[in-house]
C-alpha atoms as a PDB file:
ATOM      1  CA  MET A   1      15.298 -20.868  27.501  1.00  0.00           C
ATOM      2  CA  ASN A   2      17.080 -17.573  26.134  1.00  0.00           C
ATOM      3  CA  ARG A   3      15.026 -14.459  25.459  1.00  0.00           C
ATOM      4  CA  ALA A   4      15.875 -15.069  21.622  1.00  0.00           C
ATOM      5  CA  ALA A   5      14.897 -18.420  21.631  1.00  0.00           C
ATOM      6  CA  SER A   6      11.759 -17.131  23.572  1.00  0.00           C
ATOM      7  CA  ASN A   7      10.722 -14.391  21.242  1.00  0.00           C
ATOM      8  CA  THR A   8      10.783 -16.800  18.399  1.00  0.00           C
ATOM      9  CA  THR A   9       8.305 -19.181  20.148  1.00  0.00           C
ATOM     10  CA  LEU A  10       5.980 -16.425  20.711  1.00  0.00           C
ATOM     11  CA  ASP A  11       6.319 -14.913  16.577  1.00  0.00           C
ATOM     12  CA  GLU A  12       5.604 -18.444  15.527  1.00  0.00           C
ATOM     13  CA  ALA A  13       2.518 -18.452  17.439  1.00  0.00           C
ATOM     14  CA  LEU A  14       1.090 -15.846  16.035  1.00  0.00           C
ATOM     15  CA  SER A  15      -1.201 -15.169  12.918  1.00  0.00           C
ATOM     16  CA  PRO A  16       0.706 -13.239   9.672  1.00  0.00           C
ATOM     17  CA  SER A  17      -1.416 -10.747  10.335  1.00  0.00           C
ATOM     18  CA  ASP A  18      -0.623 -10.350  14.546  1.00  0.00           C
ATOM     19  CA  TYR A  19       2.952 -10.814  13.320  1.00  0.00           C
ATOM     20  CA  ILE A  20       3.180  -7.894  11.167  1.00  0.00           C
ATOM     21  CA  LYS A  21       1.356  -5.570  13.101  1.00  0.00           C
ATOM     22  CA  ALA A  22       3.890  -6.603  16.104  1.00  0.00           C
ATOM     23  CA  HIS A  23       6.462  -4.843  13.905  1.00  0.00           C
ATOM     24  CA  ILE A  24       4.560  -2.012  13.263  1.00  0.00           C
ATOM     25  CA  ARG A  25       6.141   1.158  15.170  1.00  0.00           C
ATOM     26  CA  THR A  26       3.756   3.570  16.574  1.00  0.00           C
ATOM     27  CA  VAL A  27       5.139   7.353  16.826  1.00  0.00           C
ATOM     28  CA  PRO A  28       2.813   9.608  19.041  1.00  0.00           C
ATOM     29  CA  ASP A  29       2.166  13.458  17.854  1.00  0.00           C
ATOM     30  CA  TRP A  30       4.528  12.796  14.368  1.00  0.00           C
ATOM     31  CA  PRO A  31       4.249  14.733  12.249  1.00  0.00           C
ATOM     32  CA  ALA A  32       1.727  16.940  14.451  1.00  0.00           C
ATOM     33  CA  PRO A  33       0.278  16.671  17.963  1.00  0.00           C
ATOM     34  CA  GLY A  34      -2.532  14.354  18.306  1.00  0.00           C
ATOM     35  CA  VAL A  35      -1.187  11.639  15.457  1.00  0.00           C
ATOM     36  CA  GLN A  36       0.120   8.440  16.318  1.00  0.00           C
ATOM     37  CA  PHE A  37       1.886   7.674  13.078  1.00  0.00           C
ATOM     38  CA  ARG A  38       2.182   3.933  11.676  1.00  0.00           C
ATOM     39  CA  ASP A  39       5.590   3.526  10.880  1.00  0.00           C
ATOM     40  CA  ILE A  40       6.160   0.563   8.915  1.00  0.00           C
ATOM     41  CA  THR A  41      10.268   0.874   8.631  1.00  0.00           C
ATOM     42  CA  PRO A  42      10.708  -2.029  11.365  1.00  0.00           C
ATOM     43  CA  LEU A  43       8.936  -4.199   9.043  1.00  0.00           C
ATOM     44  CA  LEU A  44      11.411  -3.631   6.367  1.00  0.00           C
ATOM     45  CA  SER A  45      14.538  -3.904   8.435  1.00  0.00           C
ATOM     46  CA  ASN A  46      14.131  -7.620   9.856  1.00  0.00           C
ATOM     47  CA  PRO A  47      14.340  -9.796   6.877  1.00  0.00           C
ATOM     48  CA  ARG A  48      12.272 -12.400   8.181  1.00  0.00           C
ATOM     49  CA  VAL A  49       9.205  -9.500   8.623  1.00  0.00           C
ATOM     50  CA  PHE A  50       9.924  -8.376   5.374  1.00  0.00           C
ATOM     51  CA  ARG A  51       9.138 -11.633   4.095  1.00  0.00           C
ATOM     52  CA  VAL A  52       6.046 -12.782   6.020  1.00  0.00           C
ATOM     53  CA  LEU A  53       4.626  -9.552   4.514  1.00  0.00           C
ATOM     54  CA  ILE A  54       5.523  -9.917   0.861  1.00  0.00           C
ATOM     55  CA  ASP A  55       4.006 -13.756   1.317  1.00  0.00           C
ATOM     56  CA  GLN A  56       0.872 -12.423   2.020  1.00  0.00           C
ATOM     57  CA  PHE A  57       0.465 -10.424  -0.899  1.00  0.00           C
ATOM     58  CA  VAL A  58       2.197 -12.898  -3.117  1.00  0.00           C
ATOM     59  CA  HIS A  59      -0.448 -15.380  -2.272  1.00  0.00           C
ATOM     60  CA  ARG A  60      -3.001 -13.331  -2.148  1.00  0.00           C
ATOM     61  CA  TYR A  61      -2.252 -12.461  -5.832  1.00  0.00           C
ATOM     62  CA  PHE A  62      -0.841 -15.716  -7.324  1.00  0.00           C
ATOM     63  CA  ASP A  63      -3.719 -17.150  -8.965  1.00  0.00           C
ATOM     64  CA  THR A  64      -5.186 -13.938 -10.283  1.00  0.00           C
ATOM     65  CA  ARG A  65      -2.202 -12.509 -11.437  1.00  0.00           C
ATOM     66  CA  PRO A  66      -2.464  -9.019 -12.267  1.00  0.00           C
ATOM     67  CA  ASP A  67      -0.778  -7.577 -15.412  1.00  0.00           C
ATOM     68  CA  ALA A  68       0.777  -5.017 -13.064  1.00  0.00           C
ATOM     69  CA  ILE A  69       1.438  -3.767  -9.813  1.00  0.00           C
ATOM     70  CA  ALA A  70       0.879  -0.294  -9.183  1.00  0.00           C
ATOM     71  CA  GLY A  71       2.764   1.359  -6.001  1.00  0.00           C
ATOM     72  CA  LEU A  72       1.855   4.718  -4.774  1.00  0.00           C
ATOM     73  CA  ASP A  73       4.569   7.533  -3.988  1.00  0.00           C
ATOM     74  CA  ALA A  74       6.820   6.781  -2.004  1.00  0.00           C
ATOM     75  CA  ARG A  75       6.413   3.280   0.754  1.00  0.00           C
ATOM     76  CA  GLY A  76       4.104   1.746  -2.173  1.00  0.00           C
ATOM     77  CA  PHE A  77       7.019   1.316  -4.262  1.00  0.00           C
ATOM     78  CA  ILE A  78       8.733  -0.591  -1.778  1.00  0.00           C
ATOM     79  CA  ILE A  79       5.934  -3.004  -1.163  1.00  0.00           C
ATOM     80  CA  GLY A  80       4.899  -3.044  -4.812  1.00  0.00           C
ATOM     81  CA  SER A  81       8.072  -3.335  -6.878  1.00  0.00           C
ATOM     82  CA  VAL A  82       8.813  -6.845  -5.043  1.00  0.00           C
ATOM     83  CA  LEU A  83       5.375  -7.887  -5.410  1.00  0.00           C
ATOM     84  CA  ALA A  84       6.048  -7.738  -8.968  1.00  0.00           C
ATOM     85  CA  TYR A  85       8.684  -9.127  -8.935  1.00  0.00           C
ATOM     86  CA  GLU A  86       7.679 -12.173  -7.219  1.00  0.00           C
ATOM     87  CA  LEU A  87       4.536 -12.173  -9.305  1.00  0.00           C
ATOM     88  CA  ASN A  88       6.752 -11.685 -12.577  1.00  0.00           C
ATOM     89  CA  VAL A  89       4.469  -8.956 -13.773  1.00  0.00           C
ATOM     90  CA  GLY A  90       5.765  -5.319 -14.529  1.00  0.00           C
ATOM     91  CA  PHE A  91       5.491  -2.389 -11.466  1.00  0.00           C
ATOM     92  CA  VAL A  92       4.009   1.209 -12.696  1.00  0.00           C
ATOM     93  CA  PRO A  93       5.196   3.935 -10.163  1.00  0.00           C
ATOM     94  CA  ILE A  94       2.612   6.362  -9.291  1.00  0.00           C
ATOM     95  CA  ARG A  95       4.632   9.627  -8.568  1.00  0.00           C
ATOM     96  CA  LYS A  96       4.225  12.845  -6.702  1.00  0.00           C
ATOM     97  CA  LYS A  97       3.668  15.680  -9.065  1.00  0.00           C
ATOM     98  CA  GLY A  98       7.166  17.083 -10.846  1.00  0.00           C
ATOM     99  CA  LYS A  99       8.632  13.363 -10.266  1.00  0.00           C
ATOM    100  CA  LEU A 100       8.443  11.694 -14.046  1.00  0.00           C
ATOM    101  CA  PRO A 101      10.296  12.505 -17.096  1.00  0.00           C
ATOM    102  CA  PHE A 102       8.399  11.682 -19.999  1.00  0.00           C
ATOM    103  CA  ARG A 103       4.684  12.717 -20.681  1.00  0.00           C
ATOM    104  CA  THR A 104       2.198  12.182 -17.823  1.00  0.00           C
ATOM    105  CA  VAL A 105      -1.427  12.650 -16.730  1.00  0.00           C
ATOM    106  CA  GLU A 106      -1.950  14.049 -13.276  1.00  0.00           C
ATOM    107  CA  GLU A 107      -4.640  13.802 -10.842  1.00  0.00           C
ATOM    108  CA  THR A 108      -5.094  16.361  -8.067  1.00  0.00           C
ATOM    109  CA  TYR A 109      -6.992  15.073  -4.356  1.00  0.00           C
ATOM    110  CA  GLU A 110      -7.434  16.561  -1.083  1.00  0.00           C
ATOM    111  CA  LEU A 111      -5.587  15.838   2.096  1.00  0.00           C
ATOM    112  CA  GLU A 112      -6.416  16.991   5.786  1.00  0.00           C
ATOM    113  CA  TYR A 113      -4.300  19.872   5.395  1.00  0.00           C
ATOM    114  CA  GLY A 114      -4.470  20.882   1.832  1.00  0.00           C
ATOM    115  CA  SER A 115      -4.193  19.175  -1.059  1.00  0.00           C
ATOM    116  CA  ALA A 116      -1.738  16.780  -3.417  1.00  0.00           C
ATOM    117  CA  THR A 117      -0.907  15.709  -7.093  1.00  0.00           C
ATOM    118  CA  VAL A 118       0.139  12.298  -8.635  1.00  0.00           C
ATOM    119  CA  GLU A 119       1.102  11.682 -11.957  1.00  0.00           C
ATOM    120  CA  ILE A 120       1.630   8.502 -13.971  1.00  0.00           C
ATOM    121  CA  HIS A 121       3.064   8.204 -17.392  1.00  0.00           C
ATOM    122  CA  THR A 122       0.796   7.877 -20.031  1.00  0.00           C
ATOM    123  CA  ASP A 123       2.511   4.719 -21.107  1.00  0.00           C
ATOM    124  CA  ALA A 124       2.487   3.286 -18.204  1.00  0.00           C
ATOM    125  CA  VAL A 125      -0.556   0.733 -18.469  1.00  0.00           C
ATOM    126  CA  ARG A 126      -2.602  -0.438 -21.410  1.00  0.00           C
ATOM    127  CA  SER A 127      -6.203  -0.228 -21.992  1.00  0.00           C
ATOM    128  CA  GLY A 128      -7.388  -3.481 -20.327  1.00  0.00           C
ATOM    129  CA  ASP A 129      -4.510  -4.073 -17.814  1.00  0.00           C
ATOM    130  CA  ARG A 130      -5.881  -5.661 -15.048  1.00  0.00           C
ATOM    131  CA  VAL A 131      -3.886  -3.848 -11.911  1.00  0.00           C
ATOM    132  CA  VAL A 132      -3.498  -4.292  -8.292  1.00  0.00           C
ATOM    133  CA  LEU A 133      -2.805  -0.591  -6.666  1.00  0.00           C
ATOM    134  CA  ILE A 134      -0.704  -1.153  -3.326  1.00  0.00           C
ATOM    135  CA  ASP A 135       0.329   1.782  -0.755  1.00  0.00           C
ATOM    136  CA  ASP A 136       1.860   1.476   2.969  1.00  0.00           C
ATOM    137  CA  LEU A 137      -1.597   2.707   4.530  1.00  0.00           C
ATOM    138  CA  ILE A 138      -4.979   3.605   3.975  1.00  0.00           C
ATOM    139  CA  ALA A 139      -6.045   6.752   5.580  1.00  0.00           C
ATOM    140  CA  THR A 140      -8.638   9.484   4.087  1.00  0.00           C
ATOM    141  CA  GLY A 141      -7.929   7.184   0.834  1.00  0.00           C
ATOM    142  CA  GLY A 142      -6.876  10.051  -1.056  1.00  0.00           C
ATOM    143  CA  THR A 143      -4.131   9.496  -2.617  1.00  0.00           C
ATOM    144  CA  MET A 144      -5.445   5.692  -3.185  1.00  0.00           C
ATOM    145  CA  MET A 145      -8.303   7.193  -5.078  1.00  0.00           C
ATOM    146  CA  ALA A 146      -6.397   9.316  -7.462  1.00  0.00           C
ATOM    147  CA  GLY A 147      -3.981   6.358  -8.128  1.00  0.00           C
ATOM    148  CA  ARG A 148      -7.239   4.726  -9.543  1.00  0.00           C
ATOM    149  CA  ARG A 149      -8.416   7.570 -11.559  1.00  0.00           C
ATOM    150  CA  LEU A 150      -5.005   7.362 -13.084  1.00  0.00           C
ATOM    151  CA  LEU A 151      -4.791   3.970 -13.786  1.00  0.00           C
ATOM    152  CA  GLU A 152      -8.259   4.178 -15.312  1.00  0.00           C
ATOM    153  CA  ARG A 153      -8.141   7.241 -17.594  1.00  0.00           C
ATOM    154  CA  LEU A 154      -5.402   5.085 -18.917  1.00  0.00           C
ATOM    155  CA  GLY A 155      -8.173   2.120 -19.765  1.00  0.00           C
ATOM    156  CA  ALA A 156      -6.512  -0.182 -17.015  1.00  0.00           C
ATOM    157  CA  THR A 157      -8.836  -1.934 -14.397  1.00  0.00           C
ATOM    158  CA  VAL A 158      -8.139  -1.838 -10.934  1.00  0.00           C
ATOM    159  CA  ILE A 159      -8.709  -5.103  -9.522  1.00  0.00           C
ATOM    160  CA  GLU A 160      -7.959  -4.266  -6.012  1.00  0.00           C
ATOM    161  CA  GLY A 161      -6.793  -1.439  -3.919  1.00  0.00           C
ATOM    162  CA  ALA A 162      -4.127  -2.999  -0.804  1.00  0.00           C
ATOM    163  CA  ALA A 163      -2.078  -1.613   1.895  1.00  0.00           C
ATOM    164  CA  ILE A 164      -0.375  -3.060   4.733  1.00  0.00           C
ATOM    165  CA  VAL A 165      -2.610  -0.938   7.183  1.00  0.00           C
ATOM    166  CA  ASP A 166      -6.150   0.303   7.374  1.00  0.00           C
ATOM    167  CA  LEU A 167      -7.277   3.361   9.656  1.00  0.00           C
ATOM    168  CA  PRO A 168     -10.716   2.687   9.754  1.00  0.00           C
ATOM    169  CA  GLU A 169     -11.492   5.844  12.379  1.00  0.00           C
ATOM    170  CA  LEU A 170     -10.544   8.211   8.742  1.00  0.00           C
ATOM    171  CA  ALA A 171     -13.010   6.402   6.976  1.00  0.00           C
ATOM    172  CA  GLY A 172     -10.769   6.208   4.126  1.00  0.00           C
ATOM    173  CA  SER A 173     -11.489   2.197   3.585  1.00  0.00           C
ATOM    174  CA  ASP A 174     -15.275   3.067   3.510  1.00  0.00           C
ATOM    175  CA  LYS A 175     -14.828   5.727   0.955  1.00  0.00           C
ATOM    176  CA  LEU A 176     -13.008   3.312  -1.429  1.00  0.00           C
ATOM    177  CA  ARG A 177     -15.258   0.572  -1.285  1.00  0.00           C
ATOM    178  CA  ALA A 178     -18.560   2.636  -1.547  1.00  0.00           C
ATOM    179  CA  THR A 179     -17.124   3.610  -5.124  1.00  0.00           C
ATOM    180  CA  GLY A 180     -16.883  -0.095  -5.838  1.00  0.00           C
ATOM    181  CA  LEU A 181     -13.225  -0.483  -5.318  1.00  0.00           C
ATOM    182  CA  PRO A 182     -12.147  -3.765  -3.434  1.00  0.00           C
ATOM    183  CA  LEU A 183      -9.847  -3.498  -0.631  1.00  0.00           C
ATOM    184  CA  PHE A 184      -7.357  -5.749   1.048  1.00  0.00           C
ATOM    185  CA  THR A 185      -5.734  -4.488   4.309  1.00  0.00           C
ATOM    186  CA  LEU A 186      -3.241  -6.992   6.189  1.00  0.00           C
ATOM    187  CA  VAL A 187      -3.399  -5.161   9.721  1.00  0.00           C
ATOM    188  CA  SER A 188      -5.636  -2.096  11.218  1.00  0.00           C
ATOM    189  CA  PHE A 189      -5.599   0.239  14.052  1.00  0.00           C
ATOM    190  CA  ASP A 190      -8.025   2.216  15.848  1.00  0.00           C
ATOM    191  CA  GLY A 191      -7.255   5.868  16.134  1.00  0.00           C
ATOM    192  CA  HIS A 192      -4.900   8.181  13.586  1.00  0.00           C
END
């Protein structure tokens, strides 16, 4: 058996979560010493892995179809827009401050080393819309909480927060769940 065939056989034996996790690259000491950066770009560059990834989210929300998918700047746009397309619902970008051209509302949140602000167009969702909020990763939970606050200020209900990766040691997922936000993540990594 050649190596390519062997890898395919091994990949097929993995659960979807393990298959996805096996394709996430860890970059040590980036962007700062001691940080283990979880790089999702290998998931996106391999069409088979990307399809398995998107299918996990599509299957999750197919029957409970939300009114919209909101993606957090910037990697949440990649997953969120494809998911919205597959579910035949709208996509709402939540962007870093100063990137949206129309009237916006904004929310500032704390990071490990400072603060950041995200914005959403005032007409991005309607009151009563049921929205899934998605990003690539949950670390401290600040970005997702800010996105949730923005959507709720516009009258939407965030039915679930979703991400590819959870970093439980940073406690963001615990903080989000403590506020009553249901979360769905595909994989988790120890450390940060």
